[in-house]
Amino acid sequence: MGLKLPQEASPRESRISQGPFKRLVIRGANLIDGTGAPPIGPVDIVVEDNKITSINVVGSPGVPINENARPQKGDHEIDAHGAYILPGFIDAHSHIGNALWGLTGDMPSMDYIFKLWMGHGITTSREVACGMGADFTLRQKRRSARNEITAPRLMVHCGFPTNFATGKQARDWVKGLKKRGADGIKFFGGNPKVLEAAFDEAKKQELRTAFHHAQLSVSRVNVLTSARWGLNSMEHWYGLPEALFDDRTVQDYPLDYNYANEQDRFGEAGRLWRQAAKPGSDKWNEVMDELLSLDFTLDPTFTIYEANRDVMRARNADWHNEYTLPSVWEFFQPNRVLHGSYHFDWTTKDEIDWKNNFEMWMTFVNDYKNRGGRVTAGSDSGFIFKLFGFDYIRELELLQEAGFHPLEVMKSATLNGAELIGRDNELGSIEVGKLADMVIVYENPINNLKVLYGTGHMRLNDKTNEVERVGGIKWTIKDGIVYDAEALRADVRKMVSDAKAAENTE
């Protein structure tokens, strides 16, 4: 029986997108450019043929606009007075599908996933694994590149087989992947000599690399090993505590541990950082300094592990009722067969251990950033109660919790992501000459990242003493095409409502 594939994305519709335009003008916005610079505004931004051609400061806060400073009229204009404009977000760790998703009902359609992403300002997504197969994933990449569908641009990294026995097998596979049009490779582990050959060939083929250092081979290949081979980014945190071991060579596995039992796997992972060298120690500094010297990227994906420290919070997130498909919700429930559905008997102690794990993990990531290291924002959504789009925004909040200033968070979400995928000459910041990938929100995300959620932010109205929802991205612009983010999210709500109604009639 072949791989069950999801429904492909529908053709892009004019009711939810407009453009591209010969001349698009965005007027009166407060600019957050993605470089770490503070907001400035009001500005008018001109886009011509998908390139930002001018950024004009047209006044000062609290006084009338200087009309003489404004650029000429465009053939399409957006009134962004009082709004904030940011570069399009880059999700550095994403999945458009997984074979196991089909076991709990219909596979989530590409429209469902893509519209959740675009409805949260994600204009570029680094797909890591090709869980629906290389052909299907690369087809979505090509369709998105032609803007035939409503979708972020996809940077496709297919999973490297862990069972190759020779370097020749590895090199032939890498060459074949390049010919098929992939952008990179995601590694999980394997024979060190085979992996080293694959990395060498990847560099020759100009393919980028990501690595989830799974426990099955991390004792032979940790983050330092693969970084020395030229790895671009480590995913999650696997392989980093092992590189920081100074009094052991393997983690302190219980004697009845079984990696195939995911509660064992993830439960014990929450006790791993306390086995590593302590912050500020010689070993800590030695590992960090070498990674910095290699221009290495940390892609922590804090959000995907958040349920481990508070499963009730993750299970009861505001958006599940209206935005989570029944089949996806069923996939999240405890199940010994499904990946990431491992909270079989999750205890208070498990959560406390994971809270302590987060503290040390976040300390390393923040320290790395402070010393000049590159940290990106990735969500890994679709598992462990984490939903597409929404939990990318949650990752931004967790970066702030780790110690990042919100402007540093935005740089991780934009320019750092562009550097990781090798596209920072055209993406990742709002600068003259770059492509027109932008996000517009009518609240200040630097003051409160929660206004980026599709469900908005709940606050008490100071005039009528009533609770109101504010925020939510209004416009997502990709390749100069303006998407109505509110309409995209409304489409997803209808998909979920229809799926629930169909379940009730069966």
Protein backbone atom coordinates (compact mmCIF):
# COMPACT_ATOMS: atom_id res chain seq x y z
CA MET A 1 0.00 0.00 0.00
CA GLY A 2 1.43 3.37 -1.04
CA LEU A 3 1.84 6.50 1.02
CA LYS A 4 -1.48 8.22 1.73
CA LEU A 5 -1.19 11.76 0.38
CA PRO A 6 -3.13 14.86 1.46
CA GLN A 7 -5.29 16.94 -0.80
CA GLU A 8 -3.12 19.31 -2.83
CA ALA A 9 -3.43 23.06 -2.51
CA SER A 10 -6.19 24.78 -4.47
CA PRO A 11 -5.40 27.43 -7.10
CA ARG A 12 -4.85 30.89 -5.63
CA GLU A 13 -8.10 32.87 -5.44
CA SER A 14 -8.63 36.56 -6.13
CA ARG A 15 -11.05 36.84 -3.19
CA ILE A 16 -8.15 36.35 -0.73
CA SER A 17 -5.22 37.75 -2.71
CA GLN A 18 -4.46 40.67 -4.97
CA GLY A 19 -1.51 41.37 -7.17
CA PRO A 20 1.29 41.40 -7.94
CA PHE A 21 1.15 45.06 -8.88
CA LYS A 22 3.31 47.20 -11.06
CA ARG A 23 3.54 49.69 -8.19
CA LEU A 24 2.35 48.92 -4.66
CA VAL A 25 2.51 51.67 -2.03
CA ILE A 26 2.07 51.00 1.69
CA ARG A 27 1.42 54.24 3.53
CA GLY A 28 1.91 55.44 7.08
CA ALA A 29 3.23 52.29 8.76
CA ASN A 30 5.63 51.92 11.67
CA LEU A 31 8.57 49.94 10.32
CA ILE A 32 10.28 47.05 12.12
CA ASP A 33 12.89 46.13 9.52
CA GLY A 34 14.12 42.79 10.93
CA THR A 35 17.75 43.83 11.45
CA GLY A 36 17.36 44.52 15.17
CA ALA A 37 16.78 48.23 14.61
CA PRO A 38 14.00 49.85 16.66
CA PRO A 39 10.67 50.79 15.06
CA ILE A 40 10.50 53.99 13.02
CA GLY A 41 7.49 55.65 11.49
CA PRO A 42 5.42 56.73 9.83
CA VAL A 43 6.98 55.45 6.62
CA ASP A 44 5.72 54.92 3.09
CA ILE A 45 7.10 51.86 1.30
CA VAL A 46 7.09 51.45 -2.47
CA VAL A 47 7.19 48.04 -4.16
CA GLU A 48 7.72 47.76 -7.90
CA ASP A 49 7.69 44.40 -9.67
CA ASN A 50 8.15 42.55 -6.34
CA LYS A 51 11.15 44.64 -5.29
CA ILE A 52 11.20 47.22 -2.51
CA THR A 53 12.33 50.37 -4.31
CA SER A 54 11.97 53.04 -1.64
CA ILE A 55 11.33 53.50 2.07
CA ASN A 56 10.39 57.07 2.95
CA VAL A 57 10.03 58.54 6.42
CA VAL A 58 7.05 60.84 5.98
CA GLY A 59 6.70 62.53 9.34
CA SER A 60 6.95 62.19 13.10
CA PRO A 61 4.64 60.50 15.60
CA GLY A 62 1.76 62.66 16.79
CA VAL A 63 1.88 65.28 14.05
CA PRO A 64 0.36 65.44 10.56
CA ILE A 65 2.06 63.58 7.72
CA ASN A 66 4.48 65.61 5.59
CA GLU A 67 2.70 65.27 2.26
CA ASN A 68 5.72 66.64 0.38
CA ALA A 69 7.78 63.64 1.52
CA ARG A 70 5.32 61.06 0.23
CA PRO A 71 6.03 58.98 -2.90
CA GLN A 72 3.76 59.16 -5.92
CA LYS A 73 0.55 57.17 -6.05
CA GLY A 74 0.65 53.47 -6.80
CA ASP A 75 -1.74 51.35 -8.81
CA HIS A 76 -2.57 49.67 -5.48
CA GLU A 77 -2.24 51.21 -2.02
CA ILE A 78 -2.59 49.96 1.55
CA ASP A 79 -3.54 52.39 4.29
CA ALA A 80 -1.29 51.24 7.15
CA HIS A 81 -1.46 54.36 9.32
CA GLY A 82 -0.99 53.28 12.92
CA ALA A 83 -0.06 49.73 11.89
CA TYR A 84 3.28 47.93 12.15
CA ILE A 85 5.01 46.39 9.16
CA LEU A 86 7.57 43.62 9.51
CA PRO A 87 9.45 41.30 7.14
CA GLY A 88 7.66 38.09 6.26
CA PHE A 89 8.33 35.43 8.87
CA ILE A 90 10.54 32.42 8.16
CA ASP A 91 9.61 29.16 9.87
CA ALA A 92 12.97 27.41 10.07
CA HIS A 93 11.53 24.00 10.98
CA SER A 94 8.25 22.87 9.45
CA HIS A 95 6.43 19.84 8.09
CA ILE A 96 3.71 19.72 5.43
CA GLY A 97 2.89 16.14 6.21
CA ASN A 98 3.64 12.91 8.02
CA ALA A 99 2.55 9.43 7.01
CA LEU A 100 1.13 8.77 10.49
CA TRP A 101 -1.31 11.69 10.27
CA GLY A 102 -3.57 9.59 8.07
CA LEU A 103 -4.10 6.98 10.78
CA THR A 104 -6.53 9.15 12.74
CA GLY A 105 -8.72 10.34 9.86
CA ASP A 106 -8.35 12.41 6.73
CA MET A 107 -4.92 13.92 6.14
CA PRO A 108 -4.87 17.70 6.71
CA SER A 109 -5.09 19.32 3.28
CA MET A 110 -2.36 21.60 1.98
CA ASP A 111 -4.89 24.46 2.02
CA TYR A 112 -5.37 23.91 5.75
CA ILE A 113 -1.66 24.02 6.56
CA PHE A 114 -0.65 26.71 4.08
CA LYS A 115 -3.47 29.07 5.04
CA LEU A 116 -2.63 28.73 8.73
CA TRP A 117 0.97 29.57 7.91
CA MET A 118 0.15 32.52 5.64
CA GLY A 119 -2.56 33.67 8.06
CA HIS A 120 0.22 34.09 10.63
CA GLY A 121 2.63 35.95 8.38
CA ILE A 122 4.86 33.00 7.44
CA THR A 123 6.03 33.69 3.90
CA THR A 124 8.92 31.20 3.83
CA SER A 125 8.93 27.73 5.37
CA ARG A 126 11.92 25.38 5.62
CA GLU A 127 10.31 21.96 5.23
CA VAL A 128 12.55 19.43 6.93
CA ALA A 129 12.01 15.73 6.16
CA CYS A 130 9.72 15.47 3.07
CA GLY A 131 7.34 13.34 5.11
CA MET A 132 4.96 13.12 2.14
CA GLY A 133 7.77 12.08 -0.17
CA ALA A 134 10.16 14.18 -2.22
CA ASP A 135 7.97 14.29 -5.35
CA PHE A 136 4.89 15.59 -3.52
CA THR A 137 6.86 18.12 -1.47
CA LEU A 138 8.86 19.45 -4.41
CA ARG A 139 5.64 19.80 -6.43
CA GLN A 140 4.25 22.11 -3.72
CA LYS A 141 7.54 24.05 -3.76
CA ARG A 142 7.31 24.63 -7.51
CA ARG A 143 3.65 25.61 -7.40
CA SER A 144 4.33 28.08 -4.61
CA ALA A 145 7.32 29.54 -6.44
CA ARG A 146 5.01 30.27 -9.38
CA ASN A 147 2.42 31.72 -6.94
CA GLU A 148 -0.21 29.38 -8.35
CA ILE A 149 -1.32 28.53 -4.82
CA THR A 150 -1.69 30.35 -1.52
CA ALA A 151 1.44 29.14 0.24
CA PRO A 152 4.76 30.29 1.64
CA ARG A 153 7.83 29.67 -0.49
CA LEU A 154 9.14 26.25 0.51
CA MET A 155 12.79 25.44 1.14
CA VAL A 156 12.75 21.66 0.90
CA HIS A 157 15.13 19.49 2.98
CA CYS A 158 14.51 15.76 2.53
CA GLY A 159 15.37 13.18 5.16
CA PHE A 160 18.63 11.25 4.73
CA PRO A 161 18.26 7.44 5.05
CA THR A 162 19.85 6.15 8.24
CA ASN A 163 20.56 2.67 6.89
CA PHE A 164 23.17 3.38 4.21
CA ALA A 165 26.29 1.25 4.66
CA THR A 166 28.75 2.96 2.32
CA GLY A 167 29.90 6.45 1.44
CA LYS A 168 29.11 5.78 -2.23
CA GLN A 169 25.47 5.11 -1.38
CA ALA A 170 25.37 8.40 0.49
CA ARG A 171 27.02 10.40 -2.30
CA ASP A 172 24.80 8.93 -5.00
CA TRP A 173 21.68 9.72 -2.94
CA VAL A 174 22.82 13.32 -2.35
CA LYS A 175 23.54 13.85 -6.06
CA GLY A 176 20.12 12.45 -6.93
CA LEU A 177 18.38 14.72 -4.44
CA LYS A 178 20.10 17.74 -5.95
CA LYS A 179 18.91 16.77 -9.43
CA ARG A 180 15.35 16.51 -8.16
CA GLY A 181 15.40 20.15 -7.05
CA ALA A 182 15.68 19.98 -3.26
CA ASP A 183 17.33 22.73 -1.27
CA GLY A 184 18.89 20.63 1.46
CA ILE A 185 19.06 17.50 3.57
CA LYS A 186 17.82 16.66 7.04
CA PHE A 187 19.87 14.10 8.95
CA PHE A 188 18.79 11.97 11.90
CA GLY A 189 21.87 9.80 12.38
CA GLY A 190 23.62 6.78 10.97
CA ASN A 191 27.12 5.43 10.45
CA PRO A 192 29.63 8.27 11.03
CA LYS A 193 31.72 7.48 7.94
CA VAL A 194 28.62 7.41 5.78
CA LEU A 195 27.37 10.68 7.28
CA GLU A 196 30.70 12.39 6.74
CA ALA A 197 30.65 11.39 3.08
CA ALA A 198 27.10 12.74 2.75
CA PHE A 199 28.11 16.06 4.28
CA ASP A 200 31.09 16.33 1.96
CA GLU A 201 28.91 15.67 -1.07
CA ALA A 202 26.23 18.08 0.17
CA LYS A 203 28.80 20.88 0.21
CA LYS A 204 29.90 19.99 -3.32
CA GLN A 205 26.29 20.01 -4.48
CA GLU A 206 25.57 23.28 -2.60
CA LEU A 207 22.82 21.67 -0.56
CA ARG A 208 22.17 23.00 2.93
CA THR A 209 21.96 20.74 5.95
CA ALA A 210 19.91 20.30 9.13
CA PHE A 211 20.38 17.60 11.79
CA HIS A 212 18.16 16.09 14.46
CA HIS A 213 20.84 14.19 16.38
CA ALA A 214 18.73 11.22 17.44
CA GLN A 215 19.78 9.27 20.52
CA LEU A 216 20.36 6.13 18.45
CA SER A 217 23.61 7.54 17.05
CA VAL A 218 24.36 10.63 19.13
CA SER A 219 27.03 8.80 21.13
CA ARG A 220 29.06 8.69 17.89
CA VAL A 221 27.92 11.93 16.24
CA ASN A 222 27.01 14.91 18.42
CA VAL A 223 26.64 18.55 17.48
CA LEU A 224 30.37 19.26 17.49
CA THR A 225 31.06 16.32 15.17
CA SER A 226 28.52 17.38 12.56
CA ALA A 227 29.33 21.09 12.89
CA ARG A 228 32.93 20.29 12.04
CA TRP A 229 31.68 18.50 8.93
CA GLY A 230 29.92 21.71 7.86
CA LEU A 231 26.39 21.30 9.29
CA ASN A 232 24.32 24.46 8.86
CA SER A 233 21.88 23.99 11.75
CA MET A 234 21.09 21.70 14.64
CA GLU A 235 17.39 21.06 15.16
CA HIS A 236 15.79 21.11 18.60
CA TRP A 237 18.58 20.49 21.11
CA TYR A 238 19.55 16.85 20.59
CA GLY A 239 23.31 16.40 20.39
CA LEU A 240 24.13 19.60 22.24
CA PRO A 241 23.98 18.37 25.86
CA GLU A 242 25.97 15.32 24.72
CA ALA A 243 28.66 17.63 23.35
CA LEU A 244 28.69 19.26 26.81
CA PHE A 245 29.22 16.04 28.75
CA ASP A 246 32.32 16.24 30.94
CA ASP A 247 31.82 13.28 33.28
CA ARG A 248 30.13 10.68 31.02
CA THR A 249 29.84 9.64 27.39
CA VAL A 250 26.16 8.60 27.24
CA GLN A 251 23.14 9.97 29.05
CA ASP A 252 22.01 8.30 32.25
CA TYR A 253 19.44 5.97 30.71
CA PRO A 254 17.29 3.95 33.16
CA LEU A 255 18.13 0.27 32.90
CA ASP A 256 14.68 -0.56 31.48
CA TYR A 257 14.73 2.29 28.91
CA ASN A 258 13.45 1.57 25.39
CA TYR A 259 13.85 4.26 22.72
CA ALA A 260 10.79 2.96 20.84
CA ASN A 261 8.67 3.77 23.90
CA GLU A 262 8.21 7.49 23.37
CA GLN A 263 7.35 8.24 26.98
CA ASP A 264 10.77 6.77 27.85
CA ARG A 265 12.40 8.74 25.07
CA PHE A 266 10.87 12.12 25.84
CA GLY A 267 10.64 11.67 29.59
CA GLU A 268 14.34 10.96 29.94
CA ALA A 269 15.17 13.72 27.48
CA GLY A 270 13.81 16.08 30.12
CA ARG A 271 16.56 14.98 32.50
CA LEU A 272 19.40 15.37 30.01
CA TRP A 273 20.50 18.98 30.38
CA ARG A 274 21.23 18.53 34.07
CA GLN A 275 23.83 15.92 33.05
CA ALA A 276 25.69 18.47 30.89
CA ALA A 277 28.39 20.96 31.87
CA LYS A 278 27.11 23.93 33.84
CA PRO A 279 26.70 27.46 32.41
CA GLY A 280 29.96 29.39 32.42
CA SER A 281 32.12 26.30 32.97
CA ASP A 282 35.22 25.66 30.89
CA LYS A 283 33.43 22.91 28.93
CA TRP A 284 30.39 25.15 28.33
CA ASN A 285 32.59 27.94 26.95
CA GLU A 286 34.76 25.56 24.93
CA VAL A 287 31.77 24.06 23.09
CA MET A 288 30.09 27.42 22.57
CA ASP A 289 33.26 29.07 21.27
CA GLU A 290 33.84 26.32 18.71
CA LEU A 291 30.25 26.47 17.44
CA LEU A 292 30.53 30.25 17.14
CA SER A 293 33.75 29.91 15.17
CA LEU A 294 31.97 27.59 12.72
CA ASP A 295 29.16 30.13 12.04
CA PHE A 296 26.74 27.51 13.31
CA THR A 297 22.95 28.00 13.67
CA LEU A 298 20.79 26.91 16.58
CA ASP A 299 17.16 26.20 15.61
CA PRO A 300 15.75 25.36 19.05
CA THR A 301 12.02 24.81 18.35
CA PHE A 302 11.20 25.39 22.04
CA THR A 303 7.49 25.28 21.33
CA ILE A 304 7.29 21.64 20.26
CA TYR A 305 8.48 20.51 23.71
CA GLU A 306 6.36 22.92 25.71
CA ALA A 307 3.65 20.37 26.49
CA ASN A 308 6.26 18.41 28.40
CA ARG A 309 6.45 21.12 31.04
CA ASP A 310 2.70 21.88 31.06
CA VAL A 311 0.60 19.46 29.07
CA MET A 312 -2.66 21.02 30.28
CA ARG A 313 -1.73 24.41 28.81
CA ALA A 314 -0.84 22.96 25.43
CA ARG A 315 -3.97 20.80 25.32
CA ASN A 316 -6.26 23.74 26.12
CA ALA A 317 -4.79 26.47 23.92
CA ASP A 318 -7.30 29.11 22.79
CA TRP A 319 -7.20 28.12 19.14
CA HIS A 320 -7.87 24.39 19.26
CA ASN A 321 -11.67 24.64 19.26
CA GLU A 322 -11.97 26.68 16.06
CA TYR A 323 -8.74 25.87 14.20
CA THR A 324 -7.74 22.26 14.97
CA LEU A 325 -9.21 19.62 12.66
CA PRO A 326 -10.81 16.62 14.38
CA SER A 327 -8.28 14.25 12.76
CA VAL A 328 -5.38 16.41 13.97
CA TRP A 329 -6.88 16.59 17.46
CA GLU A 330 -7.19 12.81 17.52
CA PHE A 331 -3.57 12.49 16.42
CA PHE A 332 -2.49 14.57 19.44
CA GLN A 333 -4.10 12.18 21.95
CA PRO A 334 -1.93 9.62 23.81
CA ASN A 335 -1.19 6.67 21.55
CA ARG A 336 1.70 4.21 21.62
CA VAL A 337 1.90 4.03 17.82
CA LEU A 338 1.71 7.70 16.78
CA HIS A 339 4.81 9.89 16.93
CA GLY A 340 4.66 12.67 19.52
CA SER A 341 1.52 11.30 21.20
CA TYR A 342 3.45 10.02 24.19
CA HIS A 343 1.86 11.50 27.32
CA PHE A 344 0.78 8.02 28.42
CA ASP A 345 1.19 8.68 32.14
CA TRP A 346 2.83 12.11 32.34
CA THR A 347 3.51 13.05 35.95
CA THR A 348 4.11 16.19 37.96
CA LYS A 349 7.75 15.15 38.26
CA ASP A 350 8.04 14.82 34.47
CA GLU A 351 6.79 18.39 34.09
CA ILE A 352 9.10 19.73 36.79
CA ASP A 353 12.10 18.02 35.22
CA TRP A 354 11.18 19.54 31.87
CA LYS A 355 10.81 23.00 33.41
CA ASN A 356 14.34 22.68 34.76
CA ASN A 357 15.47 21.33 31.38
CA PHE A 358 14.05 24.40 29.64
CA GLU A 359 15.86 26.72 32.03
CA MET A 360 19.32 25.39 31.17
CA TRP A 361 18.52 24.93 27.47
CA MET A 362 17.26 28.51 27.21
CA THR A 363 20.35 29.74 29.06
CA PHE A 364 22.61 28.19 26.41
CA VAL A 365 20.55 29.57 23.51
CA ASN A 366 20.43 33.08 24.97
CA ASP A 367 24.14 33.01 25.79
CA TYR A 368 24.88 31.87 22.25
CA LYS A 369 22.86 34.77 20.86
CA ASN A 370 24.56 37.24 23.18
CA ARG A 371 27.99 36.11 21.95
CA GLY A 372 27.00 36.70 18.33
CA GLY A 373 25.61 33.30 17.40
CA ARG A 374 22.71 32.82 15.00
CA VAL A 375 19.42 31.58 16.45
CA THR A 376 16.35 31.02 14.27
CA ALA A 377 12.63 30.51 14.90
CA GLY A 378 11.17 27.12 13.99
CA SER A 379 7.89 25.56 15.07
CA ASP A 380 7.87 21.83 14.13
CA SER A 381 4.07 22.07 14.35
CA GLY A 382 1.69 19.20 13.68
CA PHE A 383 2.73 17.20 16.72
CA ILE A 384 2.35 17.32 20.52
CA PHE A 385 -0.68 19.68 20.57
CA LYS A 386 1.15 22.23 18.42
CA LEU A 387 -0.79 23.79 15.55
CA PHE A 388 0.52 25.31 12.33
CA GLY A 389 0.93 29.09 12.42
CA PHE A 390 -0.24 29.57 15.98
CA ASP A 391 2.70 27.77 17.50
CA TYR A 392 5.17 29.62 15.33
CA ILE A 393 4.00 32.72 17.21
CA ARG A 394 4.34 30.77 20.44
CA GLU A 395 7.97 30.05 19.51
CA LEU A 396 8.55 33.81 19.32
CA GLU A 397 7.17 34.18 22.83
CA LEU A 398 9.44 31.42 24.09
CA LEU A 399 12.48 33.12 22.58
CA GLN A 400 11.51 36.19 24.58
CA GLU A 401 11.19 34.00 27.67
CA ALA A 402 14.72 32.73 26.99
CA GLY A 403 15.99 36.30 27.34
CA PHE A 404 15.71 37.75 23.84
CA HIS A 405 14.56 41.34 23.44
CA PRO A 406 11.49 41.38 21.17
CA LEU A 407 13.61 43.01 18.46
CA GLU A 408 16.08 40.13 18.77
CA VAL A 409 13.11 37.77 18.50
CA MET A 410 12.07 39.46 15.26
CA LYS A 411 15.59 39.16 13.87
CA SER A 412 15.55 35.43 14.65
CA ALA A 413 12.18 35.15 12.88
CA THR A 414 13.30 37.02 9.78
CA LEU A 415 16.89 37.93 8.91
CA ASN A 416 18.49 35.05 10.80
CA GLY A 417 16.18 32.61 9.03
CA ALA A 418 17.07 34.13 5.68
CA GLU A 419 20.77 33.74 6.46
CA LEU A 420 20.23 30.09 7.40
CA ILE A 421 18.63 29.26 4.05
CA GLY A 422 21.16 31.36 2.13
CA ARG A 423 18.62 33.92 0.90
CA ASP A 424 19.49 36.97 3.02
CA ASN A 425 20.42 38.93 -0.11
CA GLU A 426 16.72 39.04 -1.00
CA LEU A 427 14.70 38.03 2.08
CA GLY A 428 14.59 38.56 5.84
CA SER A 429 14.53 42.33 6.19
CA ILE A 430 12.67 45.31 4.78
CA GLU A 431 15.38 47.06 2.79
CA VAL A 432 15.56 48.64 -0.63
CA GLY A 433 16.35 46.01 -3.24
CA LYS A 434 14.85 43.06 -1.37
CA LEU A 435 11.75 41.07 -2.30
CA ALA A 436 8.37 42.25 -1.08
CA ASP A 437 7.68 39.75 1.72
CA MET A 438 6.00 41.65 4.55
CA VAL A 439 3.50 41.40 7.39
CA ILE A 440 1.10 44.15 8.54
CA VAL A 441 -0.57 44.10 11.96
CA TYR A 442 -2.61 46.91 13.56
CA GLU A 443 -1.08 46.51 17.02
CA ASN A 444 2.49 46.80 18.32
CA PRO A 445 4.11 43.33 18.36
CA ILE A 446 7.24 44.62 20.08
CA ASN A 447 5.09 45.63 23.04
CA ASN A 448 3.18 42.34 22.98
CA LEU A 449 3.91 39.36 20.72
CA LYS A 450 0.45 37.97 21.48
CA VAL A 451 -1.11 40.39 18.99
CA LEU A 452 0.36 38.19 16.22
CA TYR A 453 -1.85 35.23 17.11
CA GLY A 454 -4.73 34.55 14.75
CA THR A 455 -7.03 34.58 17.77
CA GLY A 456 -5.65 37.98 18.75
CA HIS A 457 -4.98 39.20 22.27
CA MET A 458 -7.63 39.51 24.97
CA ARG A 459 -7.69 42.73 26.95
CA LEU A 460 -10.17 44.85 28.88
CA ASN A 461 -11.49 47.88 27.04
CA ASP A 462 -10.73 50.99 29.10
CA LYS A 463 -13.82 52.82 27.82
CA THR A 464 -16.66 50.32 28.11
CA ASN A 465 -15.11 47.91 30.63
CA GLU A 466 -15.67 45.05 28.18
CA VAL A 467 -13.28 42.30 27.14
CA GLU A 468 -12.16 42.59 23.52
CA ARG A 469 -9.88 40.76 21.14
CA VAL A 470 -7.28 42.89 19.39
CA GLY A 471 -4.59 42.14 16.88
CA GLY A 472 -4.20 39.29 14.48
CA ILE A 473 -2.23 39.84 11.30
CA LYS A 474 -4.22 41.83 8.75
CA TRP A 475 -2.13 41.51 5.59
CA THR A 476 0.53 39.02 4.56
CA ILE A 477 2.52 40.03 1.50
CA LYS A 478 4.56 37.43 -0.38
CA ASP A 479 6.32 38.17 -3.69
CA GLY A 480 4.41 41.46 -3.83
CA ILE A 481 1.04 39.67 -3.66
CA VAL A 482 -1.24 40.96 -0.89
CA TYR A 483 -3.11 38.25 1.03
CA ASP A 484 -6.02 38.96 3.36
CA ALA A 485 -4.80 37.13 6.47
CA GLU A 486 -8.16 37.45 8.18
CA ALA A 487 -9.88 35.77 5.22
CA LEU A 488 -7.28 32.98 5.24
CA ARG A 489 -8.00 32.25 8.88
CA ALA A 490 -11.74 32.38 8.23
CA ASP A 491 -11.28 29.72 5.54
CA VAL A 492 -9.54 27.48 8.08
CA ARG A 493 -12.31 27.96 10.63
CA LYS A 494 -14.82 26.84 8.01
CA MET A 495 -12.75 23.76 7.17
CA VAL A 496 -12.76 22.80 10.84
CA SER A 497 -16.46 23.54 11.28
CA ASP A 498 -17.35 21.50 8.19
CA ALA A 499 -15.19 18.58 9.36
CA LYS A 500 -16.87 18.56 12.78
CA ALA A 501 -20.31 18.71 11.18
CA ALA A 502 -19.44 15.80 8.90
CA GLU A 503 -18.31 13.76 11.90
CA ASN A 504 -21.62 14.39 13.65
CA THR A 505 -23.63 13.20 10.64
CA GLU A 506 -21.72 9.96 10.11
